[in-house]
PDB file of all heavy atoms in Angstrom:
ATOM      1  N   VAL A   1       3.538   9.324 -16.632  1.00  0.00           N
ATOM      2  CA  VAL A   1       2.601   8.881 -15.583  1.00  0.00           C
ATOM      3  C   VAL A   1       2.060   7.497 -15.903  1.00  0.00           C
ATOM      4  O   VAL A   1       1.987   6.613 -15.027  1.00  0.00           O
ATOM      5  CB  VAL A   1       1.444   9.890 -15.440  1.00  0.00           C
ATOM      6  CG1 VAL A   1       0.362   9.336 -14.512  1.00  0.00           C
ATOM      7  CG2 VAL A   1       1.959  11.217 -14.908  1.00  0.00           C
ATOM      8  N   CYS A   2       1.697   7.301 -17.148  1.00  0.00           N
ATOM      9  CA  CYS A   2       1.168   5.978 -17.528  1.00  0.00           C
ATOM     10  C   CYS A   2       2.221   4.891 -17.349  1.00  0.00           C
ATOM     11  O   CYS A   2       1.906   3.764 -16.931  1.00  0.00           O
ATOM     12  CB  CYS A   2       0.698   6.023 -18.998  1.00  0.00           C
ATOM     13  SG  CYS A   2      -0.780   7.028 -19.238  1.00  0.00           S
ATOM     14  N   SER A   3       3.467   5.258 -17.633  1.00  0.00           N
ATOM     15  CA  SER A   3       4.553   4.282 -17.484  1.00  0.00           C
ATOM     16  C   SER A   3       4.714   3.864 -16.022  1.00  0.00           C
ATOM     17  O   SER A   3       4.918   2.681 -15.688  1.00  0.00           O
ATOM     18  CB  SER A   3       5.870   4.851 -18.015  1.00  0.00           C
ATOM     19  OG  SER A   3       5.758   5.130 -19.380  1.00  0.00           O
ATOM     20  N   ILE A   4       4.610   4.860 -15.140  1.00  0.00           N
ATOM     21  CA  ILE A   4       4.745   4.569 -13.705  1.00  0.00           C
ATOM     22  C   ILE A   4       3.610   3.667 -13.230  1.00  0.00           C
ATOM     23  O   ILE A   4       3.809   2.684 -12.503  1.00  0.00           O
ATOM     24  CB  ILE A   4       4.768   5.876 -12.889  1.00  0.00           C
ATOM     25  CG1 ILE A   4       6.047   6.666 -13.198  1.00  0.00           C
ATOM     26  CG2 ILE A   4       4.673   5.584 -11.380  1.00  0.00           C
ATOM     27  CD1 ILE A   4       6.073   8.049 -12.590  1.00  0.00           C
ATOM     28  N   ILE A   5       2.375   4.013 -13.697  1.00  0.00           N
ATOM     29  CA  ILE A   5       1.205   3.207 -13.286  1.00  0.00           C
ATOM     30  C   ILE A   5       1.336   1.783 -13.798  1.00  0.00           C
ATOM     31  O   ILE A   5       1.082   0.814 -13.070  1.00  0.00           O
ATOM     32  CB  ILE A   5      -0.093   3.860 -13.799  1.00  0.00           C
ATOM     33  CG1 ILE A   5      -0.312   5.210 -13.090  1.00  0.00           C
ATOM     34  CG2 ILE A   5      -1.284   2.944 -13.585  1.00  0.00           C
ATOM     35  CD1 ILE A   5      -1.475   6.009 -13.632  1.00  0.00           C
ATOM     36  N   LEU A   6       1.732   1.662 -15.073  1.00  0.00           N
ATOM     37  CA  LEU A   6       1.898   0.321 -15.634  1.00  0.00           C
ATOM     38  C   LEU A   6       2.977  -0.471 -14.896  1.00  0.00           C
ATOM     39  O   LEU A   6       2.838  -1.672 -14.662  1.00  0.00           O
ATOM     40  CB  LEU A   6       2.242   0.424 -17.126  1.00  0.00           C
ATOM     41  CG  LEU A   6       1.106   0.846 -18.062  1.00  0.00           C
ATOM     42  CD1 LEU A   6       1.626   1.081 -19.480  1.00  0.00           C
ATOM     43  CD2 LEU A   6       0.019  -0.219 -18.071  1.00  0.00           C
ATOM     44  N   ALA A   7       4.046   0.212 -14.532  1.00  0.00           N
ATOM     45  CA  ALA A   7       5.136  -0.464 -13.815  1.00  0.00           C
ATOM     46  C   ALA A   7       4.649  -0.984 -12.462  1.00  0.00           C
ATOM     47  O   ALA A   7       4.985  -2.101 -12.038  1.00  0.00           O
ATOM     48  CB  ALA A   7       6.311   0.494 -13.629  1.00  0.00           C
ATOM     49  N   LEU A   8       3.835  -0.154 -11.774  1.00  0.00           N
ATOM     50  CA  LEU A   8       3.308  -0.582 -10.471  1.00  0.00           C
ATOM     51  C   LEU A   8       2.361  -1.761 -10.632  1.00  0.00           C
ATOM     52  O   LEU A   8       2.380  -2.701  -9.831  1.00  0.00           O
ATOM     53  CB  LEU A   8       2.581   0.588  -9.783  1.00  0.00           C
ATOM     54  CG  LEU A   8       3.458   1.755  -9.326  1.00  0.00           C
ATOM     55  CD1 LEU A   8       2.595   2.886  -8.766  1.00  0.00           C
ATOM     56  CD2 LEU A   8       4.466   1.297  -8.270  1.00  0.00           C
ATOM     57  N   VAL A   9       1.526  -1.685 -11.660  1.00  0.00           N
ATOM     58  CA  VAL A   9       0.554  -2.762 -11.865  1.00  0.00           C
ATOM     59  C   VAL A   9       1.254  -4.071 -12.162  1.00  0.00           C
ATOM     60  O   VAL A   9       0.952  -5.111 -11.579  1.00  0.00           O
ATOM     61  CB  VAL A   9      -0.415  -2.402 -13.004  1.00  0.00           C
ATOM     62  CG1 VAL A   9      -1.268  -3.617 -13.385  1.00  0.00           C
ATOM     63  CG2 VAL A   9      -1.307  -1.232 -12.587  1.00  0.00           C
ATOM     64  N   PHE A  10       2.220  -4.028 -13.084  1.00  0.00           N
ATOM     65  CA  PHE A  10       2.909  -5.262 -13.476  1.00  0.00           C
ATOM     66  C   PHE A  10       3.835  -5.794 -12.370  1.00  0.00           C
ATOM     67  O   PHE A  10       4.111  -6.986 -12.312  1.00  0.00           O
ATOM     68  CB  PHE A  10       3.708  -5.054 -14.763  1.00  0.00           C
ATOM     69  CG  PHE A  10       2.847  -5.092 -16.001  1.00  0.00           C
ATOM     70  CD1 PHE A  10       2.489  -3.924 -16.653  1.00  0.00           C
ATOM     71  CD2 PHE A  10       2.373  -6.300 -16.485  1.00  0.00           C
ATOM     72  CE1 PHE A  10       1.698  -3.970 -17.784  1.00  0.00           C
ATOM     73  CE2 PHE A  10       1.569  -6.334 -17.612  1.00  0.00           C
ATOM     74  CZ  PHE A  10       1.217  -5.176 -18.276  1.00  0.00           C
ATOM     75  N   SER A  11       4.311  -4.942 -11.476  1.00  0.00           N
ATOM     76  CA  SER A  11       5.183  -5.392 -10.383  1.00  0.00           C
ATOM     77  C   SER A  11       4.392  -5.905  -9.198  1.00  0.00           C
ATOM     78  O   SER A  11       4.953  -6.469  -8.273  1.00  0.00           O
ATOM     79  CB  SER A  11       6.099  -4.250  -9.918  1.00  0.00           C
ATOM     80  OG  SER A  11       5.325  -3.209  -9.353  1.00  0.00           O
ATOM     81  N   GLY A  12       3.065  -5.752  -9.141  1.00  0.00           N
ATOM     82  CA  GLY A  12       2.234  -6.238  -8.042  1.00  0.00           C
ATOM     83  C   GLY A  12       2.143  -5.265  -6.891  1.00  0.00           C
ATOM     84  O   GLY A  12       1.521  -5.572  -5.874  1.00  0.00           O
ATOM     85  N   VAL A  13       2.741  -4.133  -6.932  1.00  0.00           N
ATOM     86  CA  VAL A  13       2.692  -3.138  -5.870  1.00  0.00           C
ATOM     87  C   VAL A  13       1.327  -2.453  -5.885  1.00  0.00           C
ATOM     88  O   VAL A  13       0.821  -2.089  -6.946  1.00  0.00           O
ATOM     89  CB  VAL A  13       3.823  -2.099  -6.024  1.00  0.00           C
ATOM     90  CG1 VAL A  13       3.708  -1.006  -4.956  1.00  0.00           C
ATOM     91  CG2 VAL A  13       5.171  -2.791  -5.945  1.00  0.00           C
ATOM     92  N   LYS A  14       0.727  -2.318  -4.669  1.00  0.00           N
ATOM     93  CA  LYS A  14      -0.589  -1.695  -4.551  1.00  0.00           C
ATOM     94  C   LYS A  14      -0.540  -0.553  -3.552  1.00  0.00           C
ATOM     95  O   LYS A  14       0.298  -0.528  -2.663  1.00  0.00           O
ATOM     96  CB  LYS A  14      -1.616  -2.733  -4.096  1.00  0.00           C
ATOM     97  CG  LYS A  14      -1.832  -3.871  -5.080  1.00  0.00           C
ATOM     98  CD  LYS A  14      -2.845  -4.848  -4.550  1.00  0.00           C
ATOM     99  CE  LYS A  14      -3.049  -6.012  -5.533  1.00  0.00           C
ATOM    100  NZ  LYS A  14      -4.032  -6.991  -5.018  1.00  0.00           N
ATOM    101  N   ILE A  15      -1.471   0.325  -3.695  1.00  0.00           N
ATOM    102  CA  ILE A  15      -1.619   1.415  -2.731  1.00  0.00           C
ATOM    103  C   ILE A  15      -2.417   0.884  -1.553  1.00  0.00           C
ATOM    104  O   ILE A  15      -3.475   0.270  -1.722  1.00  0.00           O
ATOM    105  CB  ILE A  15      -2.329   2.625  -3.363  1.00  0.00           C
ATOM    106  CG1 ILE A  15      -1.497   3.161  -4.527  1.00  0.00           C
ATOM    107  CG2 ILE A  15      -2.585   3.713  -2.317  1.00  0.00           C
ATOM    108  CD1 ILE A  15      -2.170   4.278  -5.284  1.00  0.00           C
ATOM    109  N   ALA A  16      -1.908   1.047  -0.315  1.00  0.00           N
ATOM    110  CA  ALA A  16      -2.555   0.501   0.874  1.00  0.00           C
ATOM    111  C   ALA A  16      -2.349   1.452   2.034  1.00  0.00           C
ATOM    112  O   ALA A  16      -1.807   2.554   1.885  1.00  0.00           O
ATOM    113  CB  ALA A  16      -1.982  -0.874   1.205  1.00  0.00           C
ATOM    114  N   TYR A  17      -2.826   0.990   3.246  1.00  0.00           N
ATOM    115  CA  TYR A  17      -2.690   1.793   4.460  1.00  0.00           C
ATOM    116  C   TYR A  17      -1.819   1.042   5.469  1.00  0.00           C
ATOM    117  O   TYR A  17      -2.052  -0.133   5.762  1.00  0.00           O
ATOM    118  CB  TYR A  17      -4.054   2.067   5.092  1.00  0.00           C
ATOM    119  CG  TYR A  17      -4.940   2.965   4.271  1.00  0.00           C
ATOM    120  CD1 TYR A  17      -5.909   2.422   3.434  1.00  0.00           C
ATOM    121  CD2 TYR A  17      -4.818   4.359   4.344  1.00  0.00           C
ATOM    122  CE1 TYR A  17      -6.740   3.226   2.687  1.00  0.00           C
ATOM    123  CE2 TYR A  17      -5.644   5.174   3.597  1.00  0.00           C
ATOM    124  CZ  TYR A  17      -6.600   4.609   2.757  1.00  0.00           C
ATOM    125  OH  TYR A  17      -7.405   5.412   2.016  1.00  0.00           O
ATOM    126  N   SER A  18      -0.821   1.750   5.975  1.00  0.00           N
ATOM    127  CA  SER A  18      -0.009   1.204   7.057  1.00  0.00           C
ATOM    128  C   SER A  18      -0.701   1.528   8.378  1.00  0.00           C
ATOM    129  O   SER A  18      -1.075   2.667   8.623  1.00  0.00           O
ATOM    130  CB  SER A  18       1.393   1.812   7.033  1.00  0.00           C
ATOM    131  OG  SER A  18       2.117   1.438   8.172  1.00  0.00           O
ATOM    132  N   VAL A  19      -0.900   0.474   9.214  1.00  0.00           N
ATOM    133  CA  VAL A  19      -1.590   0.659  10.498  1.00  0.00           C
ATOM    134  C   VAL A  19      -0.532   0.810  11.593  1.00  0.00           C
ATOM    135  O   VAL A  19       0.175  -0.138  11.930  1.00  0.00           O
ATOM    136  CB  VAL A  19      -2.503  -0.537  10.817  1.00  0.00           C
ATOM    137  CG1 VAL A  19      -3.236  -0.287  12.138  1.00  0.00           C
ATOM    138  CG2 VAL A  19      -3.503  -0.756   9.690  1.00  0.00           C
ATOM    139  N   ASN A  20      -0.447   2.030  12.141  1.00  0.00           N
ATOM    140  CA  ASN A  20       0.488   2.293  13.238  1.00  0.00           C
ATOM    141  C   ASN A  20      -0.298   2.285  14.540  1.00  0.00           C
ATOM    142  O   ASN A  20      -1.180   3.126  14.753  1.00  0.00           O
ATOM    143  CB  ASN A  20       1.172   3.648  13.031  1.00  0.00           C
ATOM    144  CG  ASN A  20       2.085   3.624  11.819  1.00  0.00           C
ATOM    145  OD1 ASN A  20       3.089   2.950  11.826  1.00  0.00           O
ATOM    146  ND2 ASN A  20       1.696   4.367  10.761  1.00  0.00           N
ATOM    147  N   TYR A  21       0.029   1.276  15.397  1.00  0.00           N
ATOM    148  CA  TYR A  21      -0.754   1.072  16.620  1.00  0.00           C
ATOM    149  C   TYR A  21       0.179   1.038  17.820  1.00  0.00           C
ATOM    150  O   TYR A  21       1.148   0.268  17.846  1.00  0.00           O
ATOM    151  CB  TYR A  21      -1.531  -0.252  16.526  1.00  0.00           C
ATOM    152  CG  TYR A  21      -2.396  -0.557  17.725  1.00  0.00           C
ATOM    153  CD1 TYR A  21      -3.650  -0.004  17.862  1.00  0.00           C
ATOM    154  CD2 TYR A  21      -1.928  -1.409  18.726  1.00  0.00           C
ATOM    155  CE1 TYR A  21      -4.446  -0.286  18.963  1.00  0.00           C
ATOM    156  CE2 TYR A  21      -2.717  -1.699  19.842  1.00  0.00           C
ATOM    157  CZ  TYR A  21      -3.975  -1.131  19.953  1.00  0.00           C
ATOM    158  OH  TYR A  21      -4.757  -1.402  21.045  1.00  0.00           O
ATOM    159  N   ASN A  22      -0.118   1.908  18.760  1.00  0.00           N
ATOM    160  CA  ASN A  22       0.647   1.963  20.013  1.00  0.00           C
ATOM    161  C   ASN A  22       2.145   2.148  19.765  1.00  0.00           C
ATOM    162  O   ASN A  22       2.993   1.546  20.415  1.00  0.00           O
ATOM    163  CB  ASN A  22       0.418   0.684  20.829  1.00  0.00           C
ATOM    164  CG  ASN A  22       0.658   0.899  22.323  1.00  0.00           C
ATOM    165  OD1 ASN A  22       0.733   2.031  22.807  1.00  0.00           O
ATOM    166  ND2 ASN A  22       0.771  -0.203  23.055  1.00  0.00           N
ATOM    167  N   GLY A  23       2.443   2.966  18.755  1.00  0.00           N
ATOM    168  CA  GLY A  23       3.834   3.329  18.493  1.00  0.00           C
ATOM    169  C   GLY A  23       4.577   2.412  17.545  1.00  0.00           C
ATOM    170  O   GLY A  23       5.778   2.578  17.335  1.00  0.00           O
ATOM    171  N   ARG A  24       3.890   1.426  16.951  1.00  0.00           N
ATOM    172  CA  ARG A  24       4.580   0.522  16.020  1.00  0.00           C
ATOM    173  C   ARG A  24       3.628   0.102  14.908  1.00  0.00           C
ATOM    174  O   ARG A  24       2.405   0.090  15.081  1.00  0.00           O
ATOM    175  CB  ARG A  24       5.110  -0.700  16.763  1.00  0.00           C
ATOM    176  CG  ARG A  24       4.062  -1.529  17.438  1.00  0.00           C
ATOM    177  CD  ARG A  24       4.693  -2.748  18.108  1.00  0.00           C
ATOM    178  NE  ARG A  24       5.528  -2.353  19.235  1.00  0.00           N
ATOM    179  CZ  ARG A  24       5.083  -2.204  20.477  1.00  0.00           C
ATOM    180  NH1 ARG A  24       3.790  -2.403  20.749  1.00  0.00           N
ATOM    181  NH2 ARG A  24       5.870  -1.848  21.450  1.00  0.00           N
ATOM    182  N   GLU A  25       4.221  -0.193  13.754  1.00  0.00           N
ATOM    183  CA  GLU A  25       3.414  -0.664  12.626  1.00  0.00           C
ATOM    184  C   GLU A  25       3.058  -2.138  12.860  1.00  0.00           C
ATOM    185  O   GLU A  25       3.937  -2.976  13.044  1.00  0.00           O
ATOM    186  CB  GLU A  25       4.188  -0.528  11.310  1.00  0.00           C
ATOM    187  CG  GLU A  25       3.370  -0.956  10.100  1.00  0.00           C
ATOM    188  CD  GLU A  25       4.161  -0.879   8.793  1.00  0.00           C
ATOM    189  OE1 GLU A  25       4.593   0.225   8.433  1.00  0.00           O
ATOM    190  OE2 GLU A  25       4.357  -1.943   8.168  1.00  0.00           O
ATOM    191  N   ILE A  26       1.741  -2.436  12.851  1.00  0.00           N
ATOM    192  CA  ILE A  26       1.330  -3.809  13.139  1.00  0.00           C
ATOM    193  C   ILE A  26       0.700  -4.498  11.934  1.00  0.00           C
ATOM    194  O   ILE A  26       0.498  -5.714  11.960  1.00  0.00           O
ATOM    195  CB  ILE A  26       0.333  -3.849  14.312  1.00  0.00           C
ATOM    196  CG1 ILE A  26      -0.948  -3.089  13.972  1.00  0.00           C
ATOM    197  CG2 ILE A  26       0.973  -3.316  15.583  1.00  0.00           C
ATOM    198  CD1 ILE A  26      -2.052  -3.263  15.011  1.00  0.00           C
ATOM    199  N   ALA A  27       0.393  -3.717  10.855  1.00  0.00           N
ATOM    200  CA  ALA A  27      -0.212  -4.355   9.688  1.00  0.00           C
ATOM    201  C   ALA A  27      -0.286  -3.368   8.533  1.00  0.00           C
ATOM    202  O   ALA A  27      -0.104  -2.157   8.702  1.00  0.00           O
ATOM    203  CB  ALA A  27      -1.609  -4.870  10.020  1.00  0.00           C
ATOM    204  N   VAL A  28      -0.545  -3.931   7.362  1.00  0.00           N
ATOM    205  CA  VAL A  28      -0.844  -3.150   6.157  1.00  0.00           C
ATOM    206  C   VAL A  28      -2.173  -3.662   5.633  1.00  0.00           C
ATOM    207  O   VAL A  28      -2.341  -4.868   5.387  1.00  0.00           O
ATOM    208  CB  VAL A  28       0.253  -3.305   5.088  1.00  0.00           C
ATOM    209  CG1 VAL A  28      -0.163  -2.595   3.805  1.00  0.00           C
ATOM    210  CG2 VAL A  28       1.574  -2.735   5.588  1.00  0.00           C
ATOM    211  N   VAL A  29      -3.147  -2.731   5.478  1.00  0.00           N
ATOM    212  CA  VAL A  29      -4.495  -3.122   5.046  1.00  0.00           C
ATOM    213  C   VAL A  29      -4.877  -2.363   3.789  1.00  0.00           C
ATOM    214  O   VAL A  29      -4.301  -1.318   3.468  1.00  0.00           O
ATOM    215  CB  VAL A  29      -5.517  -2.859   6.159  1.00  0.00           C
ATOM    216  CG1 VAL A  29      -5.196  -3.704   7.395  1.00  0.00           C
ATOM    217  CG2 VAL A  29      -5.541  -1.376   6.544  1.00  0.00           C
ATOM    218  N   THR A  30      -5.887  -2.907   3.118  1.00  0.00           N
ATOM    219  CA  THR A  30      -6.338  -2.267   1.877  1.00  0.00           C
ATOM    220  C   THR A  30      -7.275  -1.106   2.165  1.00  0.00           C
ATOM    221  O   THR A  30      -7.369  -0.167   1.362  1.00  0.00           O
ATOM    222  CB  THR A  30      -7.061  -3.282   0.994  1.00  0.00           C
ATOM    223  OG1 THR A  30      -8.120  -3.884   1.752  1.00  0.00           O
ATOM    224  CG2 THR A  30      -6.112  -4.376   0.527  1.00  0.00           C
ATOM    225  N   GLU A  31      -7.978  -1.175   3.314  1.00  0.00           N
ATOM    226  CA  GLU A  31      -8.880  -0.094   3.686  1.00  0.00           C
ATOM    227  C   GLU A  31      -8.963   0.011   5.205  1.00  0.00           C
ATOM    228  O   GLU A  31      -8.725  -0.964   5.935  1.00  0.00           O
ATOM    229  CB  GLU A  31     -10.266  -0.312   3.086  1.00  0.00           C
ATOM    230  CG  GLU A  31     -10.874  -1.663   3.395  1.00  0.00           C
ATOM    231  CD  GLU A  31     -12.183  -1.870   2.666  1.00  0.00           C
ATOM    232  OE1 GLU A  31     -12.414  -1.204   1.650  1.00  0.00           O
ATOM    233  OE2 GLU A  31     -12.977  -2.708   3.128  1.00  0.00           O
ATOM    234  N   LYS A  32      -9.333   1.195   5.681  1.00  0.00           N
ATOM    235  CA  LYS A  32      -9.344   1.463   7.120  1.00  0.00           C
ATOM    236  C   LYS A  32     -10.404   0.640   7.858  1.00  0.00           C
ATOM    237  O   LYS A  32     -10.251   0.336   9.038  1.00  0.00           O
ATOM    238  CB  LYS A  32      -9.587   2.954   7.373  1.00  0.00           C
ATOM    239  CG  LYS A  32      -8.483   3.851   6.827  1.00  0.00           C
ATOM    240  CD  LYS A  32      -8.806   5.321   7.092  1.00  0.00           C
ATOM    241  CE  LYS A  32      -7.706   6.236   6.545  1.00  0.00           C
ATOM    242  NZ  LYS A  32      -8.014   7.667   6.800  1.00  0.00           N
ATOM    243  N   ALA A  33     -11.468   0.276   7.162  1.00  0.00           N
ATOM    244  CA  ALA A  33     -12.561  -0.457   7.813  1.00  0.00           C
ATOM    245  C   ALA A  33     -12.114  -1.821   8.353  1.00  0.00           C
ATOM    246  O   ALA A  33     -12.759  -2.392   9.251  1.00  0.00           O
ATOM    247  CB  ALA A  33     -13.716  -0.646   6.832  1.00  0.00           C
TER     248      ALA A  33
END
């Protein structure tokens, strides 16, 4: 688990939210607000 987390951190990949609006993805945001 630590290896996976470290790999994500060093690769720049972050956990975010995909915004699906009117049937299509229009953005990726860090938070719903």
